[in-house]
Amino acid sequence: MRYHLAAEKLPTAWFNALPRLPEPLQPPLHPVTREPVGPDDLAPLFPMALIEQEMTQAPWIDIPGEVLDVLRLWRPTPLVRAHRLEQALGTPARIYYKDESGSPAGSHKPNTAVPPAFYNQQDGTKRLTTETGAGQWGTALAFACAQYDLECKVYMVRTSFETKPYRRVIMETWGAECVPSPVDDPSSPGSLGMAISDAVRDAATRDDSHYALGSVLNHVLLHQTIIGLEAREQLAMAGETRPDVVIAPCGGGSNLGGLSLPFMEDTEVRLLAVEPSSCPTLTEGHFEYDFGDTAGMTPLLPMYTLGHDFMPPSIHAGGLRYHGDAPIISLLVKTGRMEAMAYPQGKVFEAAKLFANAEGKVAAPEAAHGIRAAIDEALAAKETGEDKVILFNYCGHGFLDLAAYDDFNHGRLVDA
């Protein structure tokens, strides 16, 4: 069963988590002075509209009409009841997923690529730089820049650049330039932290350029809350009062925050972040100030981190290979409002294959982490006989990740 919102029900304001957090968020610190950063410190990288969104305590932020016009190309997205998965598991739980795979980039990422492209175009910026892990964010920003006639330069983590060439092809089709990162060490598999350093360095040294980040920062999670706002309405259409648990994979926190933050004020709803065992930021990292990039060029953020020089293994879920997490997500975990768990990629792909056979959807490796946790929640409900409502984010399809499935199907997958 699929629940569709009418086009006129598309949310027209973003949900701001900042004024609703269990305690105030600590400010980012300047990388040199270690003092709280102000708008002037961020101006070389971001337009003022995004800087204001990063810091505002306003509970709701209106979505510009020009942004809504682009979002309507694929939004609202459907909420799907996973009946066949429920039957395969023999669970009394009701499983729903928010299907974000129908966007131009095949994932949730365009939700927060379109707004910065719009705000930068309005600010007179001609060119954006960014990093990308598995390539979903890079393709999303390439698409968004094409809508507003902006140049786009994408630094793609080298291990993904080499194993996911079709993402580069999509970026180039939308007019972007995509290069492997780190640019100064071709022998390195790269990391998101390194790619961020490359992209920030590029933007900071050109007057015509700004930088766009696809996760972690407050304004990015803000833009993604359109997912959870739609899901709340669609669950009501399905006759549900609330979900018992909201689940999403977490690399930096964008799709997790997008689905879960609109539910954060309802204390009867559990919020669950899922990450890879090979990059267990929330489950094994330390909560402290750390750089968002490897070179130490970005402001220091209060977050769970494995250390900005951490080099994760080259797992297939490239979008989850990040040493830190969004300050908002980190604070929710630190205060106990959100839970976190980690899985090795072998168990993740077992769940992905079960989901593909039951529901017909081939998930991105990142999305499969959420599927794994949803299946385990449903199996736990089977043991207790609990009538549980499970909501997870199907944040992207895996049509460009088939090498990962080939490795799993033929016993070559490293269980990192």
Protein backbone atom coordinates (compact mmCIF):
# COMPACT_ATOMS: atom_id res chain seq x y z
CA MET A 1 0.00 0.00 0.00
CA ARG A 2 1.32 3.40 -0.98
CA TYR A 3 0.27 6.69 0.60
CA HIS A 4 0.59 9.75 -1.61
CA LEU A 5 0.21 13.34 -0.49
CA ALA A 6 -1.49 15.64 -2.95
CA ALA A 7 0.86 18.11 -4.64
CA GLU A 8 -0.74 21.00 -2.78
CA LYS A 9 0.16 19.29 0.53
CA LEU A 10 3.90 19.70 -0.09
CA PRO A 11 5.33 21.32 3.09
CA THR A 12 6.02 25.03 2.65
CA ALA A 13 8.24 25.48 5.72
CA TRP A 14 11.18 23.55 7.15
CA PHE A 15 11.17 22.25 10.74
CA ASN A 16 14.02 23.79 12.77
CA ALA A 17 15.35 21.47 15.50
CA LEU A 18 17.62 24.06 17.15
CA PRO A 19 15.06 25.71 19.47
CA ARG A 20 13.60 22.28 20.33
CA LEU A 21 16.77 20.45 21.41
CA PRO A 22 17.06 18.97 24.94
CA GLU A 23 19.81 21.49 25.68
CA PRO A 24 21.42 24.35 23.71
CA LEU A 25 23.84 23.38 20.99
CA GLN A 26 27.46 24.38 21.63
CA PRO A 27 28.76 26.84 19.01
CA PRO A 28 31.29 25.95 16.31
CA LEU A 29 34.79 27.24 17.03
CA HIS A 30 37.20 29.06 14.71
CA PRO A 31 39.99 26.67 13.61
CA VAL A 32 42.72 29.18 14.54
CA THR A 33 41.42 31.25 17.46
CA ARG A 34 39.19 28.53 18.96
CA GLU A 35 36.61 31.26 19.62
CA PRO A 36 32.94 30.87 18.59
CA VAL A 37 32.54 31.62 14.89
CA GLY A 38 30.31 34.43 13.70
CA PRO A 39 28.65 35.20 10.38
CA ASP A 40 31.74 36.99 9.05
CA ASP A 41 33.85 33.87 9.62
CA LEU A 42 31.50 31.79 7.46
CA ALA A 43 30.92 34.39 4.74
CA PRO A 44 33.83 33.20 2.52
CA LEU A 45 32.12 29.80 2.20
CA PHE A 46 28.35 30.36 2.43
CA PRO A 47 25.76 32.95 1.39
CA MET A 48 24.21 34.93 4.25
CA ALA A 49 20.83 33.19 3.90
CA LEU A 50 22.40 29.83 4.77
CA ILE A 51 24.48 31.34 7.57
CA GLU A 52 21.28 32.70 9.09
CA GLN A 53 19.61 29.30 8.78
CA GLU A 54 22.60 27.69 10.45
CA MET A 55 22.12 29.81 13.57
CA THR A 56 18.46 30.82 13.75
CA GLN A 57 16.20 29.88 16.65
CA ALA A 58 13.04 30.42 14.61
CA PRO A 59 10.95 27.23 14.89
CA TRP A 60 9.93 27.23 11.22
CA ILE A 61 11.71 28.53 8.10
CA ASP A 62 9.68 29.30 4.99
CA ILE A 63 10.73 27.46 1.83
CA PRO A 64 11.17 29.89 -1.09
CA GLY A 65 8.68 29.43 -3.91
CA GLU A 66 11.52 29.03 -6.43
CA VAL A 67 12.83 26.10 -4.39
CA LEU A 68 9.39 24.51 -4.12
CA ASP A 69 9.06 24.74 -7.90
CA VAL A 70 12.09 22.47 -8.30
CA LEU A 71 11.20 20.15 -5.42
CA ARG A 72 7.84 19.51 -7.09
CA LEU A 73 9.67 17.58 -9.82
CA TRP A 74 9.62 14.59 -7.44
CA ARG A 75 7.96 15.64 -4.18
CA PRO A 76 5.91 14.72 -2.24
CA THR A 77 7.45 11.23 -2.16
CA PRO A 78 5.38 8.15 -1.27
CA LEU A 79 5.14 6.36 2.07
CA VAL A 80 4.97 2.60 1.48
CA ARG A 81 3.64 -0.16 3.74
CA ALA A 82 6.04 -3.11 3.40
CA HIS A 83 3.39 -5.83 3.56
CA ARG A 84 5.44 -8.46 1.74
CA LEU A 85 8.43 -7.91 4.01
CA GLU A 86 6.15 -8.25 7.04
CA GLN A 87 4.86 -11.56 5.64
CA ALA A 88 8.37 -12.82 4.92
CA LEU A 89 9.38 -12.08 8.51
CA GLY A 90 6.16 -13.38 10.06
CA THR A 91 6.00 -10.31 12.28
CA PRO A 92 2.98 -8.55 13.77
CA ALA A 93 4.83 -5.26 13.30
CA ARG A 94 3.68 -2.81 10.65
CA ILE A 95 6.65 -1.62 8.59
CA TYR A 96 6.57 1.60 6.58
CA TYR A 97 9.29 3.23 4.52
CA LYS A 98 9.61 6.71 3.07
CA ASP A 99 10.72 6.21 -0.52
CA GLU A 100 13.26 8.90 -1.43
CA SER A 101 14.65 6.93 -4.39
CA GLY A 102 12.55 8.71 -7.03
CA SER A 103 14.45 12.00 -6.95
CA PRO A 104 16.63 13.05 -9.92
CA ALA A 105 19.73 11.74 -8.13
CA GLY A 106 17.97 8.63 -6.82
CA SER A 107 18.29 9.61 -3.17
CA HIS A 108 17.27 12.13 -0.51
CA LYS A 109 20.20 14.40 -1.31
CA PRO A 110 18.50 16.84 -3.73
CA ASN A 111 16.27 18.00 -0.85
CA THR A 112 19.24 19.95 0.46
CA ALA A 113 21.09 20.53 -2.81
CA VAL A 114 18.42 22.71 -4.38
CA PRO A 115 18.21 25.32 -1.54
CA PRO A 116 21.94 26.20 -1.41
CA ALA A 117 22.11 26.38 -5.21
CA PHE A 118 19.17 28.81 -5.15
CA TYR A 119 20.54 30.95 -2.30
CA ASN A 120 23.99 31.12 -3.90
CA GLN A 121 22.52 32.12 -7.26
CA GLN A 122 20.54 34.86 -5.51
CA ASP A 123 23.78 35.94 -3.78
CA GLY A 124 25.57 36.34 -7.10
CA THR A 125 27.85 33.31 -6.70
CA LYS A 126 28.87 31.74 -10.01
CA ARG A 127 30.46 28.46 -8.88
CA LEU A 128 30.06 25.87 -6.09
CA THR A 129 32.53 23.29 -4.84
CA THR A 130 31.76 20.24 -2.77
CA GLU A 131 32.88 16.79 -1.70
CA THR A 132 31.06 13.50 -2.19
CA GLY A 133 31.51 10.02 -0.76
CA ALA A 134 29.52 7.43 -2.70
CA GLY A 135 28.53 10.12 -5.20
CA GLN A 136 24.91 10.72 -4.20
CA TRP A 137 25.57 14.22 -2.88
CA GLY A 138 27.77 15.14 -5.82
CA THR A 139 25.10 14.09 -8.32
CA ALA A 140 22.45 15.99 -6.35
CA LEU A 141 24.44 19.22 -6.29
CA ALA A 142 25.31 18.84 -9.98
CA PHE A 143 21.58 18.61 -10.73
CA ALA A 144 20.79 21.59 -8.49
CA CYS A 145 23.51 23.76 -10.03
CA ALA A 146 22.14 22.97 -13.49
CA GLN A 147 18.77 24.39 -12.40
CA TYR A 148 20.35 27.74 -11.49
CA ASP A 149 23.11 27.97 -14.12
CA LEU A 150 25.99 27.54 -11.65
CA GLU A 151 29.33 25.87 -12.26
CA CYS A 152 29.96 22.85 -10.03
CA LYS A 153 33.24 21.19 -9.02
CA VAL A 154 32.96 17.89 -7.11
CA TYR A 155 35.80 16.21 -5.22
CA MET A 156 34.85 12.53 -4.99
CA VAL A 157 36.45 10.13 -2.50
CA ARG A 158 38.92 8.19 -4.65
CA THR A 159 37.75 4.68 -3.70
CA SER A 160 34.21 5.61 -4.81
CA PHE A 161 35.47 7.51 -7.87
CA GLU A 162 37.11 4.29 -9.03
CA THR A 163 34.33 1.85 -8.11
CA LYS A 164 31.25 3.97 -8.95
CA PRO A 165 32.09 5.53 -12.34
CA TYR A 166 28.48 6.03 -13.38
CA ARG A 167 27.95 8.59 -10.65
CA ARG A 168 30.73 10.63 -12.27
CA VAL A 169 28.97 10.23 -15.61
CA ILE A 170 25.72 11.59 -14.16
CA MET A 171 27.54 14.58 -12.64
CA GLU A 172 29.19 15.35 -15.96
CA THR A 173 25.88 14.98 -17.79
CA TRP A 174 24.49 17.71 -15.55
CA GLY A 175 27.52 19.87 -16.36
CA ALA A 176 29.69 19.34 -13.26
CA GLU A 177 33.41 18.57 -13.12
CA CYS A 178 34.24 15.55 -10.94
CA VAL A 179 37.77 14.68 -9.80
CA PRO A 180 39.15 12.07 -7.38
CA SER A 181 40.20 13.10 -3.87
CA PRO A 182 42.67 13.58 -2.28
CA VAL A 183 44.06 15.48 -5.23
CA ASP A 184 47.62 15.51 -3.87
CA ASP A 185 47.92 11.76 -3.08
CA PRO A 186 46.78 9.39 -5.86
CA SER A 187 47.77 6.38 -3.73
CA SER A 188 45.24 7.20 -1.00
CA PRO A 189 41.73 5.67 -1.07
CA GLY A 190 40.52 8.97 0.33
CA SER A 191 37.92 9.89 2.90
CA LEU A 192 35.12 12.41 3.22
CA GLY A 193 37.33 14.46 5.52
CA MET A 194 40.00 14.68 2.82
CA ALA A 195 37.47 15.54 0.13
CA ILE A 196 36.02 18.29 2.32
CA SER A 197 39.53 19.75 2.69
CA ASP A 198 39.97 19.77 -1.10
CA ALA A 199 36.60 21.43 -1.70
CA VAL A 200 36.98 24.05 1.06
CA ARG A 201 40.50 24.93 -0.10
CA ASP A 202 39.19 25.40 -3.66
CA ALA A 203 36.27 27.63 -2.65
CA ALA A 204 38.30 29.71 -0.18
CA THR A 205 40.86 30.65 -2.83
CA ARG A 206 38.42 31.89 -5.49
CA ASP A 207 36.27 35.01 -5.31
CA ASP A 208 33.60 33.54 -7.61
CA SER A 209 33.07 30.38 -5.54
CA HIS A 210 31.28 29.16 -2.45
CA TYR A 211 31.29 25.76 -0.78
CA ALA A 212 28.24 23.49 -0.32
CA LEU A 213 28.09 20.75 2.30
CA GLY A 214 25.73 17.80 1.92
CA SER A 215 25.44 16.75 5.55
CA VAL A 216 26.41 17.55 9.17
CA LEU A 217 25.55 21.27 9.35
CA ASN A 218 22.33 22.53 10.92
CA HIS A 219 20.94 24.05 7.72
CA VAL A 220 21.42 20.77 5.83
CA LEU A 221 19.34 18.82 8.34
CA LEU A 222 16.82 21.67 8.26
CA HIS A 223 16.27 21.25 4.51
CA GLN A 224 15.89 17.48 4.87
CA THR A 225 13.04 17.75 7.41
CA ILE A 226 10.64 17.88 4.48
CA ILE A 227 10.93 14.06 4.56
CA GLY A 228 9.67 13.66 8.12
CA LEU A 229 7.01 16.36 7.73
CA GLU A 230 5.52 14.48 4.79
CA ALA A 231 5.84 11.15 6.62
CA ARG A 232 3.84 12.46 9.60
CA GLU A 233 0.93 13.34 7.33
CA GLN A 234 1.15 10.06 5.44
CA LEU A 235 1.19 7.93 8.60
CA ALA A 236 -2.03 9.68 9.63
CA MET A 237 -3.46 8.77 6.21
CA ALA A 238 -2.55 5.14 6.98
CA GLY A 239 -4.45 5.33 10.25
CA GLU A 240 -1.40 5.38 12.51
CA THR A 241 -1.19 7.64 15.55
CA ARG A 242 2.61 7.61 15.58
CA PRO A 243 5.52 5.32 14.77
CA ASP A 244 7.02 3.40 17.68
CA VAL A 245 10.49 3.71 16.18
CA VAL A 246 11.98 5.90 13.41
CA ILE A 247 15.10 4.44 11.77
CA ALA A 248 17.62 5.79 9.27
CA PRO A 249 21.28 5.23 8.37
CA CYS A 250 23.76 7.81 9.60
CA GLY A 251 26.98 8.97 8.00
CA GLY A 252 26.88 12.68 8.71
CA GLY A 253 23.21 12.79 9.67
CA SER A 254 21.26 14.38 6.81
CA ASN A 255 18.72 11.68 5.95
CA LEU A 256 18.51 10.53 9.58
CA GLY A 257 17.77 14.08 10.71
CA GLY A 258 15.40 14.63 7.81
CA LEU A 259 13.14 11.76 8.78
CA SER A 260 13.51 11.77 12.57
CA LEU A 261 13.67 15.42 13.68
CA PRO A 262 9.97 16.18 13.05
CA PHE A 263 9.22 13.33 15.51
CA MET A 264 11.73 14.39 18.19
CA GLU A 265 9.25 16.20 20.43
CA ASP A 266 7.07 13.08 20.79
CA THR A 267 8.87 11.20 23.57
CA GLU A 268 6.88 8.04 22.82
CA VAL A 269 8.75 7.72 19.52
CA ARG A 270 12.18 6.06 19.62
CA LEU A 271 14.77 7.51 17.25
CA LEU A 272 17.42 5.10 15.96
CA ALA A 273 20.61 5.89 14.03
CA VAL A 274 22.33 3.05 12.16
CA GLU A 275 25.98 3.14 11.11
CA PRO A 276 28.63 0.72 9.78
CA SER A 277 30.78 -1.22 12.24
CA SER A 278 33.82 -0.12 10.24
CA CYS A 279 33.08 3.57 10.94
CA PRO A 280 31.26 3.50 14.31
CA THR A 281 31.18 7.21 15.04
CA LEU A 282 28.15 7.34 17.35
CA THR A 283 28.66 3.93 18.96
CA GLU A 284 32.42 4.07 19.61
CA GLY A 285 33.48 7.68 19.02
CA HIS A 286 34.03 10.41 21.62
CA PHE A 287 31.88 13.51 22.05
CA GLU A 288 34.27 16.43 21.69
CA TYR A 289 35.18 19.36 19.47
CA ASP A 290 36.81 18.20 16.25
CA PHE A 291 37.46 19.45 12.73
CA GLY A 292 34.99 18.52 10.02
CA ASP A 293 37.83 17.87 7.57
CA THR A 294 41.17 16.11 7.63
CA ALA A 295 43.37 19.17 7.03
CA GLY A 296 41.83 21.16 9.89
CA MET A 297 40.51 24.00 7.73
CA THR A 298 36.87 23.91 8.87
CA PRO A 299 35.45 25.17 12.16
CA LEU A 300 35.60 22.74 15.06
CA LEU A 301 32.21 21.18 15.75
CA PRO A 302 30.86 19.61 18.97
CA MET A 303 30.15 16.06 17.84
CA TYR A 304 30.84 12.39 18.20
CA THR A 305 34.05 11.73 16.32
CA LEU A 306 36.60 9.05 15.58
CA GLY A 307 39.22 11.76 14.98
CA HIS A 308 39.49 13.90 11.87
CA ASP A 309 42.46 11.84 10.64
CA PHE A 310 40.53 8.55 10.89
CA MET A 311 40.75 6.50 7.67
CA PRO A 312 37.81 4.07 7.38
CA PRO A 313 37.98 0.86 5.33
CA SER A 314 36.79 1.00 1.73
CA ILE A 315 33.32 -0.40 2.38
CA HIS A 316 30.58 -0.17 -0.25
CA ALA A 317 28.51 2.31 1.80
CA GLY A 318 30.76 5.19 0.87
CA GLY A 319 28.25 7.76 2.12
CA LEU A 320 28.64 6.44 5.68
CA ARG A 321 32.46 6.67 5.80
CA TYR A 322 32.72 9.88 7.83
CA HIS A 323 34.68 10.39 11.04
CA GLY A 324 32.11 12.71 12.68
CA ASP A 325 28.40 13.38 12.85
CA ALA A 326 26.04 16.34 12.81
CA PRO A 327 26.12 18.32 16.08
CA ILE A 328 22.32 18.06 16.27
CA ILE A 329 22.42 14.26 15.95
CA SER A 330 25.37 14.01 18.32
CA LEU A 331 23.56 16.03 20.98
CA LEU A 332 20.44 13.88 20.69
CA VAL A 333 22.54 10.74 21.19
CA LYS A 334 24.52 12.32 24.02
CA THR A 335 21.35 13.29 25.90
CA GLY A 336 19.75 9.89 25.34
CA ARG A 337 16.96 11.11 23.04
CA MET A 338 18.35 9.09 20.14
CA GLU A 339 19.82 5.58 20.09
CA ALA A 340 22.63 4.33 17.84
CA MET A 341 23.75 0.93 16.62
CA ALA A 342 26.32 -0.43 14.15
CA TYR A 343 26.35 -3.39 11.74
CA PRO A 344 29.03 -5.10 9.65
CA GLN A 345 28.32 -4.91 5.94
CA GLY A 346 27.70 -8.66 5.61
CA LYS A 347 24.58 -8.45 7.79
CA VAL A 348 23.56 -5.28 5.98
CA PHE A 349 23.58 -6.97 2.58
CA GLU A 350 21.72 -10.00 3.93
CA ALA A 351 18.92 -7.59 4.86
CA ALA A 352 19.17 -5.76 1.53
CA LYS A 353 18.76 -8.99 -0.42
CA LEU A 354 15.77 -10.06 1.69
CA PHE A 355 14.18 -6.64 1.11
CA ALA A 356 14.87 -6.85 -2.63
CA ASN A 357 13.18 -10.23 -2.89
CA ALA A 358 10.20 -9.26 -0.72
CA GLU A 359 9.57 -5.67 -1.83
CA GLY A 360 11.34 -5.59 -5.21
CA LYS A 361 13.55 -2.66 -4.21
CA VAL A 362 17.35 -2.82 -4.65
CA ALA A 363 18.65 -0.48 -1.97
CA ALA A 364 21.81 1.60 -1.89
CA PRO A 365 24.30 0.14 0.63
CA GLU A 366 23.68 3.16 2.85
CA ALA A 367 19.90 2.65 2.81
CA ALA A 368 20.40 -1.05 3.54
CA HIS A 369 21.72 -0.18 7.00
CA GLY A 370 18.30 1.20 7.90
CA ILE A 371 16.64 -1.88 6.41
CA ARG A 372 18.79 -4.12 8.59
CA ALA A 373 17.71 -2.32 11.75
CA ALA A 374 14.04 -2.27 10.68
CA ILE A 375 14.12 -6.03 10.11
CA ASP A 376 15.69 -6.61 13.51
CA GLU A 377 13.06 -4.42 15.16
CA ALA A 378 10.34 -6.42 13.37
CA LEU A 379 11.88 -9.74 14.45
CA ALA A 380 12.04 -8.49 18.04
CA ALA A 381 8.33 -7.64 17.80
CA LYS A 382 7.73 -11.16 16.54
CA GLU A 383 9.37 -12.58 19.67
CA THR A 384 7.30 -10.41 22.02
CA GLY A 385 4.11 -10.38 19.97
CA GLU A 386 4.21 -6.59 20.04
CA ASP A 387 2.04 -4.64 17.61
CA LYS A 388 4.79 -2.20 16.69
CA VAL A 389 4.85 0.51 14.00
CA ILE A 390 8.28 0.81 12.36
CA LEU A 391 9.22 3.68 10.03
CA PHE A 392 12.50 3.80 8.14
CA ASN A 393 13.99 5.94 5.42
CA TYR A 394 14.57 4.24 2.09
CA CYS A 395 16.99 7.01 1.29
CA GLY A 396 18.29 5.83 -2.10
CA HIS A 397 18.23 3.07 -4.71
CA GLY A 398 21.20 0.83 -5.46
CA PHE A 399 21.12 0.71 -9.26
CA LEU A 400 24.61 2.25 -9.39
CA ASP A 401 25.89 0.02 -6.57
CA LEU A 402 25.52 -3.33 -8.30
CA ALA A 403 29.21 -4.17 -7.87
CA ALA A 404 28.47 -4.40 -4.15
CA TYR A 405 25.65 -6.86 -4.74
CA ASP A 406 27.87 -8.82 -7.11
CA ASP A 407 30.48 -9.12 -4.34
CA PHE A 408 27.83 -10.25 -1.86
CA ASN A 409 26.18 -12.72 -4.23
CA HIS A 410 29.49 -14.37 -5.07
CA GLY A 411 31.07 -14.46 -1.61
CA ARG A 412 33.62 -11.70 -2.19
CA LEU A 413 32.18 -9.19 0.28
CA VAL A 414 34.60 -8.29 3.07
CA ASP A 415 32.61 -8.33 6.33
CA ALA A 416 34.13 -5.09 7.63
